[in-house]
Amino acid sequence: MKFRKIAAVIAFIIGAMSIFAGGQVALLGKIMDYYVIDWLPVYNLVIGIISALFTTVVIWKGSKIALPAAIAILISHGTVMVIIQTAYRDVVAPDSIKATTVRIILWVIILTLMIIQARQNKQLFD
């Protein structure tokens, strides 16, 4: 249970950070000193809300949909990285690349913790 709870806390933190970063631009209209891809702050806001308010909860509770939800978030971030590295390669801000990289790394850590927890739980019942 310990690894699952740690995973949930990390998911909440990264989700909250995405809400903050995306919300500043998408909702509050903050002007950045670099080019912002129009849809990226909206994506960050939406995925942050999903991460913090849904995925965190299902991970914390140990729901059977927790692993698929976490995988979906990771795939989503990976897809965004591919898009911004290909279609927007010449205009994407280095901060966007860094933030997306951090999100991907943290979601890999979250999934790893969840898998460790699942294996430990299975050993308890073997």
N, C-alpha and C. Protein backbone atom coordinates (compact mmCIF):
# COMPACT_ATOMS: atom_id res chain seq x y z
N MET A 1 0.83 -1.20 0.00
CA MET A 1 0.00 0.00 0.00
C MET A 1 0.87 1.25 0.00
N LYS A 2 2.04 1.17 0.60
CA LYS A 2 2.92 2.33 0.70
C LYS A 2 3.33 2.88 -0.67
N PHE A 3 3.72 2.00 -1.59
CA PHE A 3 4.15 2.45 -2.91
C PHE A 3 3.01 3.09 -3.69
N ARG A 4 1.81 2.53 -3.56
CA ARG A 4 0.64 3.08 -4.23
C ARG A 4 0.34 4.49 -3.73
N LYS A 5 0.46 4.70 -2.43
CA LYS A 5 0.18 6.02 -1.85
C LYS A 5 1.22 7.04 -2.32
N ILE A 6 2.48 6.62 -2.38
CA ILE A 6 3.54 7.51 -2.88
C ILE A 6 3.25 7.87 -4.33
N ALA A 7 2.85 6.88 -5.12
CA ALA A 7 2.51 7.13 -6.53
C ALA A 7 1.38 8.14 -6.63
N ALA A 8 0.37 8.00 -5.78
CA ALA A 8 -0.77 8.92 -5.80
C ALA A 8 -0.34 10.34 -5.44
N VAL A 9 0.52 10.48 -4.47
CA VAL A 9 1.00 11.82 -4.07
C VAL A 9 1.77 12.46 -5.22
N ILE A 10 2.64 11.69 -5.86
CA ILE A 10 3.39 12.22 -7.01
C ILE A 10 2.43 12.62 -8.13
N ALA A 11 1.42 11.77 -8.38
CA ALA A 11 0.44 12.08 -9.42
C ALA A 11 -0.30 13.38 -9.10
N PHE A 12 -0.65 13.57 -7.84
CA PHE A 12 -1.33 14.79 -7.45
C PHE A 12 -0.44 16.01 -7.65
N ILE A 13 0.80 15.90 -7.23
CA ILE A 13 1.74 17.03 -7.36
C ILE A 13 1.95 17.41 -8.82
N ILE A 14 2.21 16.41 -9.68
CA ILE A 14 2.45 16.72 -11.09
C ILE A 14 1.17 17.24 -11.75
N GLY A 15 0.02 16.73 -11.32
CA GLY A 15 -1.25 17.23 -11.84
C GLY A 15 -1.48 18.68 -11.43
N ALA A 16 -1.21 18.98 -10.16
CA ALA A 16 -1.38 20.35 -9.67
C ALA A 16 -0.44 21.31 -10.38
N MET A 17 0.78 20.86 -10.63
CA MET A 17 1.73 21.70 -11.36
C MET A 17 1.24 21.98 -12.78
N SER A 18 0.64 20.97 -13.42
CA SER A 18 0.10 21.16 -14.76
C SER A 18 -1.08 22.11 -14.76
N ILE A 19 -1.92 22.00 -13.73
CA ILE A 19 -3.06 22.94 -13.60
C ILE A 19 -2.54 24.36 -13.46
N PHE A 20 -1.55 24.54 -12.61
CA PHE A 20 -0.98 25.86 -12.38
C PHE A 20 -0.36 26.41 -13.67
N ALA A 21 0.48 25.60 -14.32
CA ALA A 21 1.18 26.08 -15.53
C ALA A 21 0.19 26.33 -16.67
N GLY A 22 -0.69 25.39 -16.91
CA GLY A 22 -1.65 25.56 -17.99
C GLY A 22 -2.67 26.64 -17.70
N GLY A 23 -3.10 26.72 -16.44
CA GLY A 23 -4.11 27.69 -16.04
C GLY A 23 -3.64 29.12 -16.16
N GLN A 24 -2.37 29.35 -15.87
CA GLN A 24 -1.85 30.72 -15.97
C GLN A 24 -2.00 31.27 -17.37
N VAL A 25 -1.75 30.43 -18.36
CA VAL A 25 -1.82 30.90 -19.75
C VAL A 25 -3.22 30.73 -20.31
N ALA A 26 -3.80 29.53 -20.13
CA ALA A 26 -5.10 29.23 -20.76
C ALA A 26 -6.25 30.00 -20.12
N LEU A 27 -6.24 30.13 -18.80
CA LEU A 27 -7.36 30.79 -18.11
C LEU A 27 -7.08 32.24 -17.76
N LEU A 28 -5.86 32.50 -17.31
CA LEU A 28 -5.55 33.86 -16.84
C LEU A 28 -4.93 34.74 -17.91
N GLY A 29 -4.58 34.15 -19.05
CA GLY A 29 -4.04 34.94 -20.16
C GLY A 29 -2.65 35.47 -19.94
N LYS A 30 -1.88 34.83 -19.08
CA LYS A 30 -0.51 35.29 -18.85
C LYS A 30 0.27 35.25 -20.16
N ILE A 31 0.97 36.33 -20.43
CA ILE A 31 1.78 36.44 -21.64
C ILE A 31 3.19 35.96 -21.30
N MET A 32 3.66 34.98 -22.08
CA MET A 32 5.00 34.45 -21.86
C MET A 32 5.98 35.21 -22.76
N ASP A 33 7.24 35.16 -22.43
CA ASP A 33 8.24 35.86 -23.24
C ASP A 33 8.79 34.95 -24.36
N TYR A 34 8.03 33.93 -24.70
CA TYR A 34 8.38 33.04 -25.80
C TYR A 34 7.08 32.58 -26.46
N TYR A 35 7.20 32.02 -27.65
CA TYR A 35 6.02 31.57 -28.40
C TYR A 35 5.36 30.41 -27.65
N VAL A 36 4.05 30.51 -27.50
CA VAL A 36 3.28 29.45 -26.85
C VAL A 36 2.37 28.81 -27.89
N ILE A 37 2.50 27.50 -28.05
CA ILE A 37 1.62 26.76 -28.95
C ILE A 37 0.21 26.84 -28.35
N ASP A 38 -0.74 27.32 -29.13
CA ASP A 38 -2.08 27.65 -28.62
C ASP A 38 -2.73 26.55 -27.79
N TRP A 39 -2.68 25.32 -28.23
CA TRP A 39 -3.41 24.23 -27.58
C TRP A 39 -2.65 23.63 -26.39
N LEU A 40 -1.37 23.90 -26.28
CA LEU A 40 -0.56 23.24 -25.24
C LEU A 40 -0.95 23.66 -23.81
N PRO A 41 -1.18 24.93 -23.50
CA PRO A 41 -1.63 25.28 -22.15
C PRO A 41 -3.00 24.67 -21.81
N VAL A 42 -3.87 24.59 -22.80
CA VAL A 42 -5.19 23.97 -22.58
C VAL A 42 -5.01 22.49 -22.28
N TYR A 43 -4.16 21.82 -23.05
CA TYR A 43 -3.85 20.40 -22.79
C TYR A 43 -3.30 20.25 -21.37
N ASN A 44 -2.33 21.08 -21.00
CA ASN A 44 -1.73 20.99 -19.66
C ASN A 44 -2.77 21.17 -18.57
N LEU A 45 -3.67 22.12 -18.75
CA LEU A 45 -4.73 22.36 -17.77
C LEU A 45 -5.66 21.15 -17.66
N VAL A 46 -6.12 20.65 -18.78
CA VAL A 46 -7.07 19.53 -18.78
C VAL A 46 -6.42 18.27 -18.23
N ILE A 47 -5.23 17.94 -18.68
CA ILE A 47 -4.56 16.73 -18.21
C ILE A 47 -4.18 16.87 -16.74
N GLY A 48 -3.89 18.07 -16.31
CA GLY A 48 -3.61 18.32 -14.90
C GLY A 48 -4.84 18.07 -14.03
N ILE A 49 -5.99 18.53 -14.50
CA ILE A 49 -7.24 18.31 -13.76
C ILE A 49 -7.55 16.82 -13.69
N ILE A 50 -7.41 16.13 -14.83
CA ILE A 50 -7.66 14.69 -14.85
C ILE A 50 -6.69 13.97 -13.91
N SER A 51 -5.42 14.35 -13.97
CA SER A 51 -4.40 13.71 -13.12
C SER A 51 -4.67 13.93 -11.64
N ALA A 52 -4.90 15.19 -11.29
CA ALA A 52 -5.04 15.54 -9.87
C ALA A 52 -6.36 15.10 -9.25
N LEU A 53 -7.44 15.19 -10.03
CA LEU A 53 -8.76 14.94 -9.44
C LEU A 53 -9.32 13.55 -9.73
N PHE A 54 -8.82 12.88 -10.74
CA PHE A 54 -9.33 11.54 -11.05
C PHE A 54 -8.25 10.47 -10.84
N THR A 55 -7.18 10.58 -11.60
CA THR A 55 -6.16 9.52 -11.56
C THR A 55 -5.55 9.38 -10.17
N THR A 56 -5.30 10.49 -9.51
CA THR A 56 -4.77 10.44 -8.15
C THR A 56 -5.70 9.65 -7.23
N VAL A 57 -6.98 9.90 -7.33
CA VAL A 57 -7.96 9.24 -6.46
C VAL A 57 -8.01 7.74 -6.72
N VAL A 58 -8.04 7.34 -8.00
CA VAL A 58 -8.13 5.90 -8.28
C VAL A 58 -6.84 5.18 -7.91
N ILE A 59 -5.70 5.86 -8.04
CA ILE A 59 -4.44 5.25 -7.58
C ILE A 59 -4.48 5.10 -6.07
N TRP A 60 -4.85 6.15 -5.35
CA TRP A 60 -4.88 6.14 -3.89
C TRP A 60 -5.77 5.00 -3.37
N LYS A 61 -6.92 4.84 -4.01
CA LYS A 61 -7.88 3.82 -3.58
C LYS A 61 -7.50 2.41 -4.04
N GLY A 62 -6.55 2.31 -4.95
CA GLY A 62 -6.16 1.01 -5.47
C GLY A 62 -7.21 0.42 -6.40
N SER A 63 -7.91 1.27 -7.11
CA SER A 63 -8.96 0.85 -8.03
C SER A 63 -8.38 0.02 -9.18
N LYS A 64 -9.21 -0.85 -9.73
CA LYS A 64 -8.75 -1.66 -10.86
C LYS A 64 -8.53 -0.82 -12.11
N ILE A 65 -9.05 0.39 -12.15
CA ILE A 65 -8.81 1.26 -13.30
C ILE A 65 -7.60 2.18 -13.11
N ALA A 66 -6.93 2.07 -11.97
CA ALA A 66 -5.79 2.95 -11.69
C ALA A 66 -4.65 2.75 -12.69
N LEU A 67 -4.28 1.50 -12.93
CA LEU A 67 -3.17 1.24 -13.86
C LEU A 67 -3.51 1.69 -15.28
N PRO A 68 -4.69 1.33 -15.83
CA PRO A 68 -5.02 1.85 -17.16
C PRO A 68 -5.08 3.38 -17.22
N ALA A 69 -5.56 4.02 -16.16
CA ALA A 69 -5.62 5.49 -16.14
C ALA A 69 -4.22 6.09 -16.17
N ALA A 70 -3.31 5.53 -15.38
CA ALA A 70 -1.94 6.03 -15.35
C ALA A 70 -1.24 5.79 -16.69
N ILE A 71 -1.48 4.65 -17.28
CA ILE A 71 -0.90 4.36 -18.60
C ILE A 71 -1.44 5.35 -19.63
N ALA A 72 -2.72 5.65 -19.57
CA ALA A 72 -3.32 6.60 -20.51
C ALA A 72 -2.69 7.99 -20.37
N ILE A 73 -2.43 8.41 -19.14
CA ILE A 73 -1.79 9.71 -18.91
C ILE A 73 -0.38 9.70 -19.51
N LEU A 74 0.37 8.64 -19.26
CA LEU A 74 1.73 8.54 -19.79
C LEU A 74 1.71 8.55 -21.33
N ILE A 75 0.82 7.78 -21.92
CA ILE A 75 0.71 7.75 -23.38
C ILE A 75 0.34 9.14 -23.92
N SER A 76 -0.54 9.82 -23.21
CA SER A 76 -0.94 11.16 -23.62
C SER A 76 0.26 12.10 -23.64
N HIS A 77 1.05 12.08 -22.57
CA HIS A 77 2.25 12.94 -22.53
C HIS A 77 3.25 12.54 -23.60
N GLY A 78 3.41 11.25 -23.82
CA GLY A 78 4.32 10.79 -24.86
C GLY A 78 3.88 11.24 -26.24
N THR A 79 2.58 11.19 -26.48
CA THR A 79 2.03 11.63 -27.77
C THR A 79 2.26 13.13 -27.96
N VAL A 80 2.03 13.90 -26.91
CA VAL A 80 2.27 15.34 -26.99
C VAL A 80 3.74 15.62 -27.28
N MET A 81 4.63 14.87 -26.64
CA MET A 81 6.07 15.06 -26.88
C MET A 81 6.40 14.79 -28.35
N VAL A 82 5.87 13.73 -28.91
CA VAL A 82 6.12 13.43 -30.32
C VAL A 82 5.60 14.55 -31.20
N ILE A 83 4.41 15.04 -30.90
CA ILE A 83 3.82 16.12 -31.71
C ILE A 83 4.67 17.39 -31.63
N ILE A 84 5.03 17.79 -30.42
CA ILE A 84 5.78 19.06 -30.31
C ILE A 84 7.21 18.92 -30.83
N GLN A 85 7.74 17.71 -30.81
CA GLN A 85 9.10 17.52 -31.34
C GLN A 85 9.12 17.37 -32.86
N THR A 86 7.97 17.10 -33.45
CA THR A 86 7.93 16.95 -34.91
C THR A 86 7.23 18.14 -35.56
N ALA A 87 5.96 18.29 -35.33
CA ALA A 87 5.17 19.33 -36.00
C ALA A 87 5.56 20.74 -35.56
N TYR A 88 6.03 20.89 -34.32
CA TYR A 88 6.34 22.22 -33.78
C TYR A 88 7.82 22.39 -33.44
N ARG A 89 8.64 21.56 -34.01
CA ARG A 89 10.07 21.53 -33.68
C ARG A 89 10.74 22.90 -33.74
N ASP A 90 10.38 23.70 -34.73
CA ASP A 90 11.04 24.99 -34.93
C ASP A 90 10.52 26.10 -34.03
N VAL A 91 9.35 25.89 -33.38
CA VAL A 91 8.77 26.98 -32.60
C VAL A 91 8.54 26.64 -31.13
N VAL A 92 8.61 25.38 -30.77
CA VAL A 92 8.31 24.99 -29.39
C VAL A 92 9.35 25.57 -28.43
N ALA A 93 8.87 26.05 -27.31
CA ALA A 93 9.75 26.63 -26.30
C ALA A 93 10.51 25.52 -25.57
N PRO A 94 11.77 25.76 -25.27
CA PRO A 94 12.54 24.76 -24.51
C PRO A 94 11.86 24.41 -23.18
N ASP A 95 11.18 25.38 -22.57
CA ASP A 95 10.46 25.11 -21.31
C ASP A 95 9.37 24.07 -21.50
N SER A 96 8.72 24.08 -22.65
CA SER A 96 7.67 23.10 -22.93
C SER A 96 8.26 21.70 -23.06
N ILE A 97 9.41 21.60 -23.71
CA ILE A 97 10.10 20.32 -23.84
C ILE A 97 10.51 19.81 -22.46
N LYS A 98 11.08 20.69 -21.66
CA LYS A 98 11.52 20.30 -20.31
C LYS A 98 10.34 19.85 -19.45
N ALA A 99 9.25 20.61 -19.48
CA ALA A 99 8.09 20.28 -18.66
C ALA A 99 7.48 18.94 -19.09
N THR A 100 7.39 18.72 -20.38
CA THR A 100 6.83 17.46 -20.87
C THR A 100 7.75 16.29 -20.52
N THR A 101 9.04 16.51 -20.61
CA THR A 101 10.01 15.47 -20.23
C THR A 101 9.86 15.12 -18.75
N VAL A 102 9.74 16.12 -17.91
CA VAL A 102 9.56 15.88 -16.47
C VAL A 102 8.28 15.09 -16.23
N ARG A 103 7.21 15.46 -16.90
CA ARG A 103 5.94 14.74 -16.73
C ARG A 103 6.08 13.27 -17.14
N ILE A 104 6.73 13.04 -18.26
CA ILE A 104 6.92 11.66 -18.72
C ILE A 104 7.73 10.86 -17.70
N ILE A 105 8.82 11.43 -17.23
CA ILE A 105 9.67 10.74 -16.25
C ILE A 105 8.88 10.44 -14.97
N LEU A 106 8.14 11.42 -14.49
CA LEU A 106 7.37 11.20 -13.25
C LEU A 106 6.28 10.16 -13.43
N TRP A 107 5.64 10.13 -14.59
CA TRP A 107 4.61 9.11 -14.81
C TRP A 107 5.21 7.72 -14.97
N VAL A 108 6.43 7.64 -15.49
CA VAL A 108 7.13 6.34 -15.51
C VAL A 108 7.41 5.90 -14.07
N ILE A 109 7.83 6.83 -13.22
CA ILE A 109 8.07 6.52 -11.81
C ILE A 109 6.77 6.09 -11.13
N ILE A 110 5.69 6.81 -11.40
CA ILE A 110 4.39 6.47 -10.82
C ILE A 110 3.99 5.05 -11.21
N LEU A 111 4.11 4.74 -12.49
CA LEU A 111 3.75 3.39 -12.96
C LEU A 111 4.65 2.33 -12.34
N THR A 112 5.93 2.63 -12.20
CA THR A 112 6.85 1.69 -11.58
C THR A 112 6.45 1.41 -10.13
N LEU A 113 6.12 2.45 -9.39
CA LEU A 113 5.66 2.27 -8.01
C LEU A 113 4.39 1.44 -7.94
N MET A 114 3.48 1.68 -8.88
CA MET A 114 2.24 0.92 -8.90
C MET A 114 2.49 -0.55 -9.21
N ILE A 115 3.41 -0.82 -10.10
CA ILE A 115 3.74 -2.21 -10.44
C ILE A 115 4.41 -2.90 -9.27
N ILE A 116 5.32 -2.20 -8.60
CA ILE A 116 5.96 -2.77 -7.40
C ILE A 116 4.90 -3.11 -6.36
N GLN A 117 3.96 -2.19 -6.15
CA GLN A 117 2.89 -2.43 -5.18
C GLN A 117 2.05 -3.63 -5.57
N ALA A 118 1.71 -3.73 -6.85
CA ALA A 118 0.89 -4.85 -7.32
C ALA A 118 1.62 -6.18 -7.11
N ARG A 119 2.90 -6.20 -7.36
CA ARG A 119 3.68 -7.44 -7.16
C ARG A 119 3.75 -7.80 -5.68
N GLN A 120 3.92 -6.80 -4.83
CA GLN A 120 3.94 -7.07 -3.39
C GLN A 120 2.60 -7.61 -2.92
N ASN A 121 1.53 -7.02 -3.40
CA ASN A 121 0.19 -7.48 -3.01
C ASN A 121 -0.05 -8.91 -3.46
N LYS A 122 0.43 -9.25 -4.65
CA LYS A 122 0.24 -10.60 -5.16
C LYS A 122 1.02 -11.60 -4.29
N GLN A 123 2.19 -11.23 -3.85
CA GLN A 123 3.00 -12.11 -3.01
C GLN A 123 2.30 -12.39 -1.69
N LEU A 124 1.53 -11.44 -1.21
CA LEU A 124 0.80 -11.63 0.03
C LEU A 124 -0.26 -12.71 -0.10
N PHE A 125 -0.76 -12.88 -1.32
CA PHE A 125 -1.85 -13.83 -1.54
C PHE A 125 -1.39 -15.15 -2.14
N ASP A 126 -0.12 -15.29 -2.46
CA ASP A 126 0.40 -16.54 -3.02
C ASP A 126 0.70 -17.56 -1.93
